[in-house]
N, C-alpha and C. Protein backbone atom coordinates (compact mmCIF):
# COMPACT_ATOMS: atom_id res chain seq x y z
N MET A 1 0.68 -1.33 -0.27
CA MET A 1 -0.06 0.03 -0.21
C MET A 1 1.04 1.06 0.04
N GLY A 2 0.55 2.52 -1.02
CA GLY A 2 1.28 3.45 -0.96
C GLY A 2 1.07 4.38 -0.07
N LYS A 3 1.95 5.68 0.08
CA LYS A 3 1.61 6.56 1.11
C LYS A 3 0.20 7.53 0.34
N LEU A 4 -0.04 7.76 1.19
CA LEU A 4 -1.48 9.00 1.17
C LEU A 4 -0.69 10.40 1.19
N ASP A 5 -1.53 10.89 0.18
CA ASP A 5 -1.50 12.87 0.36
C ASP A 5 -1.73 13.27 1.38
N SER A 6 -2.91 12.80 2.31
CA SER A 6 -3.55 13.36 3.98
C SER A 6 -3.97 12.01 4.57
N TYR A 7 -3.46 12.27 6.04
CA TYR A 7 -4.45 10.99 6.58
C TYR A 7 -5.09 11.85 7.58
N LEU A 8 -5.86 13.01 7.13
CA LEU A 8 -6.95 13.53 7.93
C LEU A 8 -7.79 12.66 8.22
N ARG A 9 -8.53 11.74 6.86
CA ARG A 9 -9.74 11.21 7.10
C ARG A 9 -9.55 9.86 7.82
N VAL A 10 -7.79 9.32 7.85
CA VAL A 10 -7.50 8.48 8.58
C VAL A 10 -7.64 8.89 9.98
N ARG A 11 -7.39 9.68 10.36
CA ARG A 11 -7.19 9.89 11.41
C ARG A 11 -8.22 10.08 12.25
N ARG A 12 -9.02 11.44 11.50
CA ARG A 12 -10.43 11.36 12.09
C ARG A 12 -11.14 10.01 12.37
N ARG A 13 -11.40 9.45 11.37
CA ARG A 13 -11.97 8.09 11.86
C ARG A 13 -11.77 7.38 12.42
N ARG A 14 -10.38 7.45 12.81
CA ARG A 14 -9.63 6.46 13.91
C ARG A 14 -10.54 6.43 14.93
N TRP A 15 -10.45 8.33 15.43
CA TRP A 15 -11.15 8.64 16.50
C TRP A 15 -12.48 8.95 16.70
N GLN A 16 -13.20 8.19 15.46
CA GLN A 16 -15.01 8.37 15.41
C GLN A 16 -15.13 9.73 15.56
N LEU A 17 -14.39 10.57 15.29
CA LEU A 17 -14.80 11.93 14.83
C LEU A 17 -15.94 11.97 13.37
N THR A 18 -16.89 12.74 13.05
CA THR A 18 -17.45 13.29 12.09
C THR A 18 -16.70 14.46 11.66
N GLN A 19 -17.30 14.85 10.11
CA GLN A 19 -16.51 15.60 9.77
C GLN A 19 -17.39 16.85 10.53
N GLY A 20 -18.16 17.00 10.77
CA GLY A 20 -18.72 18.13 11.42
C GLY A 20 -17.86 18.58 13.07
N GLU A 21 -17.73 17.22 13.14
CA GLU A 21 -17.08 17.64 14.74
C GLU A 21 -15.57 17.91 14.73
N LEU A 22 -14.90 17.27 13.43
CA LEU A 22 -13.84 18.07 13.43
C LEU A 22 -13.92 19.45 12.86
N ALA A 23 -14.72 19.73 11.80
CA ALA A 23 -14.93 21.59 11.31
C ALA A 23 -15.03 22.12 12.65
N PHE A 24 -15.98 21.83 13.75
CA PHE A 24 -16.57 22.63 14.79
C PHE A 24 -14.72 22.56 15.49
N LEU A 25 -14.18 21.41 15.85
CA LEU A 25 -12.87 21.79 16.57
C LEU A 25 -12.08 22.94 15.93
N LEU A 26 -12.17 22.54 14.36
CA LEU A 26 -10.74 23.80 13.65
C LEU A 26 -11.78 24.51 13.89
N GLY A 27 -13.19 25.29 14.00
CA GLY A 27 -13.51 26.57 14.11
C GLY A 27 -14.46 27.03 12.99
N TYR A 28 -15.04 25.98 12.03
CA TYR A 28 -15.88 25.78 10.79
C TYR A 28 -17.19 25.60 11.46
N ASP A 29 -18.09 26.01 10.45
CA ASP A 29 -19.27 25.81 11.13
C ASP A 29 -20.13 24.46 10.33
N SER A 30 -19.33 23.85 9.11
CA SER A 30 -19.69 23.20 8.30
C SER A 30 -18.98 21.96 8.15
N GLY A 31 -19.24 20.74 7.86
CA GLY A 31 -18.30 19.40 7.60
C GLY A 31 -17.79 19.57 5.98
N SER A 32 -18.44 20.35 5.61
CA SER A 32 -17.89 19.94 4.43
C SER A 32 -16.65 20.78 4.04
N VAL A 33 -16.12 22.02 4.61
CA VAL A 33 -15.07 22.28 4.70
C VAL A 33 -14.06 21.16 4.79
N VAL A 34 -13.96 20.43 5.89
CA VAL A 34 -13.53 19.09 5.92
C VAL A 34 -13.12 18.46 4.95
N SER A 35 -14.28 18.08 4.62
CA SER A 35 -14.48 17.33 3.40
C SER A 35 -13.57 17.68 2.44
N ARG A 36 -13.69 19.01 2.19
CA ARG A 36 -12.57 19.52 0.89
C ARG A 36 -11.35 19.07 1.52
N PHE A 37 -10.95 19.44 2.44
CA PHE A 37 -9.53 19.06 3.16
C PHE A 37 -9.13 18.06 2.77
N GLU A 38 -9.95 16.99 2.77
CA GLU A 38 -9.64 15.31 2.97
C GLU A 38 -9.46 15.02 1.34
N ARG A 39 -10.38 15.36 0.46
CA ARG A 39 -9.81 15.30 -0.94
C ARG A 39 -9.04 16.27 -1.86
N ARG A 40 -8.33 17.08 -0.64
CA ARG A 40 -7.05 17.98 -1.07
C ARG A 40 -7.96 19.09 -2.19
N GLU A 41 -9.53 19.16 -2.05
CA GLU A 41 -9.97 20.15 -3.17
C GLU A 41 -9.70 21.84 -2.27
N ARG A 42 -9.06 21.59 -1.16
CA ARG A 42 -8.69 23.10 -0.54
C ARG A 42 -7.72 22.89 0.18
N THR A 43 -6.35 24.16 -0.11
CA THR A 43 -5.35 24.33 0.22
C THR A 43 -5.52 24.39 1.89
N ILE A 44 -4.48 23.60 2.46
CA ILE A 44 -4.62 23.22 4.05
C ILE A 44 -3.97 24.90 4.82
N PRO A 45 -4.79 25.65 5.43
CA PRO A 45 -3.80 26.80 5.93
C PRO A 45 -3.12 26.51 6.87
N LEU A 46 -2.06 27.50 7.19
CA LEU A 46 -1.20 26.73 8.35
C LEU A 46 -1.74 26.71 9.42
N ALA A 47 -2.77 27.35 10.14
CA ALA A 47 -3.18 27.25 11.57
C ALA A 47 -4.12 25.79 11.46
N ILE A 48 -4.72 25.26 10.22
CA ILE A 48 -5.26 24.14 10.74
C ILE A 48 -4.37 23.23 10.69
N GLY A 49 -3.40 23.71 10.07
CA GLY A 49 -1.72 22.19 10.02
C GLY A 49 -1.58 22.20 11.66
N PHE A 50 -1.78 23.43 12.37
CA PHE A 50 -1.31 23.29 13.50
C PHE A 50 -2.38 22.63 14.59
N ALA A 51 -3.40 23.20 14.31
CA ALA A 51 -4.57 22.63 15.31
C ALA A 51 -4.98 21.13 14.64
N CYS A 52 -4.52 20.78 13.68
CA CYS A 52 -4.48 19.18 13.95
C CYS A 52 -3.80 18.60 14.28
N GLU A 53 -2.30 19.12 14.32
CA GLU A 53 -1.21 18.76 15.41
C GLU A 53 -1.95 18.38 16.54
N LEU A 54 -2.25 20.10 17.07
CA LEU A 54 -2.61 19.75 18.63
C LEU A 54 -4.31 18.37 18.32
N ILE A 55 -5.04 18.14 17.91
CA ILE A 55 -5.78 17.49 17.99
C ILE A 55 -5.76 15.94 18.04
N PHE A 56 -4.67 15.88 16.76
CA PHE A 56 -3.91 14.23 16.69
C PHE A 56 -3.14 14.10 17.46
N ASP A 57 -2.19 14.92 17.94
CA ASP A 57 -0.83 14.70 18.71
C ASP A 57 -0.06 13.90 17.64
N ALA A 58 -0.14 14.82 16.32
CA ALA A 58 0.91 14.46 15.61
C ALA A 58 1.27 15.30 14.60
N ASP A 59 2.56 15.49 14.23
CA ASP A 59 3.15 16.43 13.27
C ASP A 59 2.46 16.59 12.39
N ALA A 60 2.50 17.51 11.94
CA ALA A 60 1.50 17.94 10.25
C ALA A 60 1.91 17.44 9.08
N GLU A 61 3.67 17.09 9.10
CA GLU A 61 3.86 16.48 8.36
C GLU A 61 3.61 14.90 7.96
N GLU A 62 3.25 14.63 9.30
CA GLU A 62 2.47 13.08 9.13
C GLU A 62 1.06 12.86 8.91
N ILE A 63 0.51 14.11 9.17
CA ILE A 63 -0.83 14.11 8.53
C ILE A 63 -0.96 14.65 7.29
N PHE A 64 -0.46 15.30 7.00
CA PHE A 64 -0.44 15.63 5.12
C PHE A 64 0.56 15.91 4.58
N PRO A 65 1.38 14.28 4.79
CA PRO A 65 2.82 13.94 4.17
C PRO A 65 2.58 14.91 2.12
N GLY A 66 1.69 14.63 1.45
CA GLY A 66 1.81 14.82 0.08
C GLY A 66 2.02 16.50 0.44
N LEU A 67 1.35 17.43 0.96
CA LEU A 67 1.75 19.18 1.06
C LEU A 67 2.92 19.07 1.56
N TYR A 68 3.25 18.33 2.59
CA TYR A 68 4.78 18.38 3.30
C TYR A 68 5.89 18.49 1.72
N GLY A 69 5.49 16.96 1.21
CA GLY A 69 6.54 17.00 0.16
C GLY A 69 6.35 17.90 -0.95
N GLU A 70 5.58 18.80 -1.22
CA GLU A 70 5.38 19.72 -2.38
C GLU A 70 6.33 21.15 -1.83
N VAL A 71 5.65 21.30 -0.75
CA VAL A 71 6.57 22.25 0.30
C VAL A 71 8.04 21.83 0.39
N GLU A 72 8.15 21.02 -0.01
CA GLU A 72 9.37 20.79 0.88
C GLU A 72 10.62 20.58 -0.70
N GLY A 73 9.76 20.15 -1.64
CA GLY A 73 10.00 20.38 -3.19
C GLY A 73 10.27 21.32 -3.26
N HIS A 74 9.19 22.65 -3.34
CA HIS A 74 9.62 23.92 -4.03
C HIS A 74 10.83 24.37 -3.08
N VAL A 75 10.85 24.74 -1.84
CA VAL A 75 11.80 25.25 -0.78
C VAL A 75 13.06 24.79 -0.98
N THR A 76 13.26 23.28 -0.86
CA THR A 76 14.48 22.81 -1.65
C THR A 76 15.29 23.32 -2.95
N ARG A 77 14.39 23.31 -3.81
CA ARG A 77 14.80 23.93 -5.19
C ARG A 77 15.29 25.48 -4.96
N ARG A 78 14.38 26.35 -4.28
CA ARG A 78 14.55 27.80 -4.26
C ARG A 78 16.01 27.78 -3.63
N MET A 79 16.32 26.82 -2.08
CA MET A 79 17.53 27.22 -1.44
C MET A 79 18.57 26.61 -2.10
N HIS A 80 18.63 25.66 -2.99
CA HIS A 80 20.04 25.54 -4.12
C HIS A 80 19.99 26.35 -5.08
N GLU A 81 18.78 27.29 -5.34
CA GLU A 81 18.83 28.47 -6.52
C GLU A 81 19.83 29.69 -5.46
N LEU A 82 19.29 29.92 -4.83
CA LEU A 82 19.81 31.04 -3.92
C LEU A 82 21.24 30.80 -3.20
N GLN A 83 21.46 29.23 -2.77
CA GLN A 83 23.10 29.02 -2.44
C GLN A 83 23.76 29.26 -3.60
N ASP A 84 23.57 29.16 -5.14
CA ASP A 84 24.26 29.32 -6.14
C ASP A 84 24.65 30.43 -6.63
N ARG A 85 23.04 31.68 -6.37
CA ARG A 85 23.69 32.45 -6.58
C ARG A 85 24.64 33.40 -5.47
N LEU A 86 24.26 33.04 -4.23
CA LEU A 86 25.16 33.89 -3.40
C LEU A 86 26.56 33.14 -3.47
N GLN A 87 26.98 32.12 -4.00
CA GLN A 87 28.45 31.44 -4.22
C GLN A 87 28.79 32.43 -5.33
N ARG A 88 28.25 32.98 -6.28
CA ARG A 88 28.82 33.34 -7.62
C ARG A 88 28.95 35.00 -7.16
N GLY A 89 28.31 35.16 -6.18
CA GLY A 89 28.58 37.05 -5.93
C GLY A 89 29.72 37.05 -5.00
N ALA A 90 29.80 38.55 -4.66
CA ALA A 90 31.03 38.87 -3.89
C ALA A 90 30.70 38.21 -2.33
N SER A 91 31.78 37.89 -1.86
CA SER A 91 31.83 37.49 -0.71
C SER A 91 31.89 38.47 0.55
N SER A 92 30.81 38.34 2.01
CA SER A 92 30.88 39.08 2.71
C SER A 92 30.32 38.11 4.04
N ALA A 93 30.59 39.09 4.67
CA ALA A 93 30.08 38.42 6.37
C ALA A 93 28.53 37.80 6.30
N LYS A 94 27.80 38.67 5.63
CA LYS A 94 26.35 38.50 5.54
C LYS A 94 26.72 37.55 4.57
N THR A 95 26.95 37.68 3.62
CA THR A 95 26.72 36.40 2.49
C THR A 95 27.18 34.93 3.12
N ALA A 96 28.04 35.11 3.78
CA ALA A 96 28.60 33.84 4.91
C ALA A 96 27.80 33.30 5.73
N ALA A 97 26.97 33.93 6.67
CA ALA A 97 26.13 34.06 7.46
C ALA A 97 24.76 33.18 6.56
N LYS A 98 24.39 33.54 5.24
CA LYS A 98 23.37 33.23 4.71
C LYS A 98 23.48 31.84 4.21
N LEU A 99 25.14 31.53 3.69
CA LEU A 99 25.06 30.48 3.18
C LEU A 99 25.31 29.39 4.19
N GLN A 100 25.75 29.67 5.38
CA GLN A 100 25.66 29.06 6.60
C GLN A 100 24.10 28.45 6.88
N LEU A 101 23.06 29.20 7.05
CA LEU A 101 22.02 29.08 6.87
C LEU A 101 21.65 27.70 6.36
N LEU A 102 21.97 28.24 4.63
CA LEU A 102 21.09 27.70 3.67
C LEU A 102 21.85 25.71 3.84
N ASP A 103 23.27 25.87 4.48
CA ASP A 103 23.96 24.61 3.89
C ASP A 103 23.27 23.46 4.80
N HIS A 104 22.72 24.19 6.59
CA HIS A 104 21.93 23.72 7.60
C HIS A 104 20.87 23.10 7.19
N ALA A 105 20.28 24.13 6.58
CA ALA A 105 18.69 23.82 6.30
C ALA A 105 18.96 22.82 4.85
N LEU A 106 19.53 22.83 3.88
CA LEU A 106 19.86 21.89 3.19
C LEU A 106 20.10 19.99 3.69
N THR A 107 21.19 20.21 4.63
CA THR A 107 21.82 19.17 5.18
C THR A 107 20.15 18.32 6.24
N GLY A 108 19.40 19.31 6.56
CA GLY A 108 18.48 18.97 7.18
C GLY A 108 17.49 18.04 6.33
N ALA A 109 17.05 18.96 5.16
CA ALA A 109 16.09 18.52 4.60
C ALA A 109 16.61 17.21 3.66
N ALA A 110 18.20 16.98 3.32
CA ALA A 110 18.72 15.67 3.28
C ALA A 110 18.16 14.53 4.10
N ASN A 111 18.82 14.84 5.41
CA ASN A 111 18.45 13.89 6.23
C ASN A 111 17.01 13.72 6.46
N GLY A 112 16.34 14.25 6.49
CA GLY A 112 14.93 13.71 6.24
C GLY A 112 14.31 13.08 5.38
N ALA A 113 14.91 13.34 4.34
CA ALA A 113 14.59 12.66 3.05
C ALA A 113 14.77 11.40 3.39
N ASP A 114 15.97 11.38 3.99
CA ASP A 114 17.02 9.90 3.95
C ASP A 114 15.90 8.80 5.00
N ARG A 115 15.09 9.75 5.84
CA ARG A 115 14.06 9.43 6.72
C ARG A 115 13.41 8.46 5.95
N GLN A 116 12.84 9.01 5.38
CA GLN A 116 11.87 8.32 4.87
C GLN A 116 11.87 7.31 3.72
């Protein structure tokens, strides 16, 4: 069995919550918004990701691995691009600090990918 894009429905059902009950916990009036989140017809706002972490005691990355993977891919490509730009430019203390941040972030991203 492959990895799902979202485990929101799985976790909601594991705890016997209706879409309406989860919607209430998330601050919505209707369960239809939860349905749209579960089918990835609506982007998950950051606040909803945090709320789901609290409700289900799990990292948003575990609940929404598809979204996390998309964001990770986009940001990682941009970090590499900025790193290349900075390395081609003039050297300074500010540039060195930026390169250190990017190196640390890219190492962390690579280690995260190795764990999956």
